Amino acid sequence: MTRLALNLSEYINGVAKNHAEVSSKMFPGYSVHAITNGVHPLTWAAAEFSKLYDTHIPGWCNEPKLLTRAECCISDAEICEAHH
């Protein structure tokens, strides 16, 4: 059943970095991404920040790790504007 689910899934994630690593070893050939437990990016981020992230960091909602690039990609002024 796991292989069926993996083959039919568009996106595969583990609930923690270690879970993703172990799953990748158990099922080679599949790209398993790690997500932080309990965080759903689309409901976690305010609408203003979601728009900002969509503009500067495409794919952030499926790969939250990309948000580590925010510091390089988004100006302080844009962050302040979204915050206000």
C-alpha atoms as a PDB file:
ATOM      1  CA  MET A   1       0.000   0.000   0.000  1.00  0.00           C
ATOM      2  CA  THR A   2       2.866   2.371   0.716  1.00  0.00           C
ATOM      3  CA  ARG A   3       4.302   2.023  -2.772  1.00  0.00           C
ATOM      4  CA  LEU A   4       0.841   2.572  -4.252  1.00  0.00           C
ATOM      5  CA  ALA A   5       0.481   5.768  -2.228  1.00  0.00           C
ATOM      6  CA  LEU A   6       3.985   6.925  -3.185  1.00  0.00           C
ATOM      7  CA  ASN A   7       3.316   6.293  -6.872  1.00  0.00           C
ATOM      8  CA  LEU A   8       0.029   8.180  -6.780  1.00  0.00           C
ATOM      9  CA  SER A   9       1.288  11.117  -4.730  1.00  0.00           C
ATOM     10  CA  GLU A  10       2.259  14.407  -6.272  1.00  0.00           C
ATOM     11  CA  TYR A  11       4.180  15.448  -3.137  1.00  0.00           C
ATOM     12  CA  ILE A  12       5.664  13.175  -0.453  1.00  0.00           C
ATOM     13  CA  ASN A  13       6.588  14.429   2.985  1.00  0.00           C
ATOM     14  CA  GLY A  14       7.788  13.155   6.313  1.00  0.00           C
ATOM     15  CA  VAL A  15       6.663  14.805   9.529  1.00  0.00           C
ATOM     16  CA  ALA A  16      10.217  15.604  10.577  1.00  0.00           C
ATOM     17  CA  LYS A  17      13.685  15.732   9.026  1.00  0.00           C
ATOM     18  CA  ASN A  18      14.616  12.331  10.482  1.00  0.00           C
ATOM     19  CA  HIS A  19      11.356  10.779   9.232  1.00  0.00           C
ATOM     20  CA  ALA A  20      12.044  12.052   5.707  1.00  0.00           C
ATOM     21  CA  GLU A  21      15.603  10.677   5.806  1.00  0.00           C
ATOM     22  CA  VAL A  22      14.506   7.252   7.031  1.00  0.00           C
ATOM     23  CA  SER A  23      11.652   7.109   4.514  1.00  0.00           C
ATOM     24  CA  SER A  24      14.022   8.019   1.674  1.00  0.00           C
ATOM     25  CA  LYS A  25      16.274   5.130   2.655  1.00  0.00           C
ATOM     26  CA  MET A  26      13.335   2.725   2.951  1.00  0.00           C
ATOM     27  CA  PHE A  27      11.930   3.777  -0.426  1.00  0.00           C
ATOM     28  CA  PRO A  28      14.817   4.775  -2.719  1.00  0.00           C
ATOM     29  CA  GLY A  29      13.844   6.606  -5.874  1.00  0.00           C
ATOM     30  CA  TYR A  30      11.221   8.781  -4.172  1.00  0.00           C
ATOM     31  CA  SER A  31      11.834  12.361  -3.134  1.00  0.00           C
ATOM     32  CA  VAL A  32      10.633  12.657   0.464  1.00  0.00           C
ATOM     33  CA  HIS A  33      10.532  16.190   1.880  1.00  0.00           C
ATOM     34  CA  ALA A  34      10.653  17.079   5.566  1.00  0.00           C
ATOM     35  CA  ILE A  35       8.061  19.359   7.103  1.00  0.00           C
ATOM     36  CA  THR A  36       7.926  20.716  10.626  1.00  0.00           C
ATOM     37  CA  ASN A  37       5.360  19.026  12.832  1.00  0.00           C
ATOM     38  CA  GLY A  38       2.174  21.011  13.164  1.00  0.00           C
ATOM     39  CA  VAL A  39       2.938  23.820  10.729  1.00  0.00           C
ATOM     40  CA  HIS A  40       0.709  24.296   7.696  1.00  0.00           C
ATOM     41  CA  PRO A  41       2.319  27.192   5.818  1.00  0.00           C
ATOM     42  CA  LEU A  42      -0.796  28.464   4.053  1.00  0.00           C
ATOM     43  CA  THR A  43      -2.749  28.849   7.289  1.00  0.00           C
ATOM     44  CA  TRP A  44       0.280  29.897   9.324  1.00  0.00           C
ATOM     45  CA  ALA A  45       1.266  32.902   7.218  1.00  0.00           C
ATOM     46  CA  ALA A  46      -0.779  36.097   7.131  1.00  0.00           C
ATOM     47  CA  ALA A  47      -2.278  36.945   3.737  1.00  0.00           C
ATOM     48  CA  GLU A  48       0.125  39.879   3.233  1.00  0.00           C
ATOM     49  CA  PHE A  49       3.138  37.658   3.840  1.00  0.00           C
ATOM     50  CA  SER A  50       1.744  34.878   1.649  1.00  0.00           C
ATOM     51  CA  LYS A  51       1.601  37.363  -1.248  1.00  0.00           C
ATOM     52  CA  LEU A  52       5.121  38.542  -0.490  1.00  0.00           C
ATOM     53  CA  TYR A  53       6.448  34.995  -0.364  1.00  0.00           C
ATOM     54  CA  ASP A  54       4.592  34.050  -3.568  1.00  0.00           C
ATOM     55  CA  THR A  55       6.305  36.951  -5.330  1.00  0.00           C
ATOM     56  CA  HIS A  56       9.835  36.338  -4.081  1.00  0.00           C
ATOM     57  CA  ILE A  57       9.960  32.657  -3.074  1.00  0.00           C
ATOM     58  CA  PRO A  58       7.769  30.570  -5.402  1.00  0.00           C
ATOM     59  CA  GLY A  59       6.941  27.171  -3.952  1.00  0.00           C
ATOM     60  CA  TRP A  60       7.382  28.227  -0.324  1.00  0.00           C
ATOM     61  CA  CYS A  61       4.011  26.784   0.707  1.00  0.00           C
ATOM     62  CA  ASN A  62       5.008  23.290  -0.459  1.00  0.00           C
ATOM     63  CA  GLU A  63       8.610  23.567   0.673  1.00  0.00           C
ATOM     64  CA  PRO A  64       8.698  25.802   3.792  1.00  0.00           C
ATOM     65  CA  LYS A  65      12.459  25.327   4.036  1.00  0.00           C
ATOM     66  CA  LEU A  66      12.685  27.803   1.143  1.00  0.00           C
ATOM     67  CA  LEU A  67      11.696  30.538   3.593  1.00  0.00           C
ATOM     68  CA  THR A  68      15.285  30.536   4.839  1.00  0.00           C
ATOM     69  CA  ARG A  69      15.975  32.514   1.647  1.00  0.00           C
ATOM     70  CA  ALA A  70      13.649  35.342   2.691  1.00  0.00           C
ATOM     71  CA  GLU A  71      16.528  37.278   4.208  1.00  0.00           C
ATOM     72  CA  CYS A  72      18.276  37.419   0.839  1.00  0.00           C
ATOM     73  CA  CYS A  73      15.252  37.757  -1.427  1.00  0.00           C
ATOM     74  CA  ILE A  74      12.963  40.219   0.340  1.00  0.00           C
ATOM     75  CA  SER A  75      13.892  43.751   1.293  1.00  0.00           C
ATOM     76  CA  ASP A  76      13.409  45.054   4.812  1.00  0.00           C
ATOM     77  CA  ALA A  77      11.034  47.691   3.455  1.00  0.00           C
ATOM     78  CA  GLU A  78       8.775  45.052   1.884  1.00  0.00           C
ATOM     79  CA  ILE A  79       8.734  43.053   5.102  1.00  0.00           C
ATOM     80  CA  CYS A  80       7.846  46.163   7.131  1.00  0.00           C
ATOM     81  CA  GLU A  81       5.092  47.050   4.654  1.00  0.00           C
ATOM     82  CA  ALA A  82       3.600  43.548   4.852  1.00  0.00           C
ATOM     83  CA  HIS A  83       3.823  43.659   8.640  1.00  0.00           C
ATOM     84  CA  HIS A  84       1.965  46.962   8.859  1.00  0.00           C
END
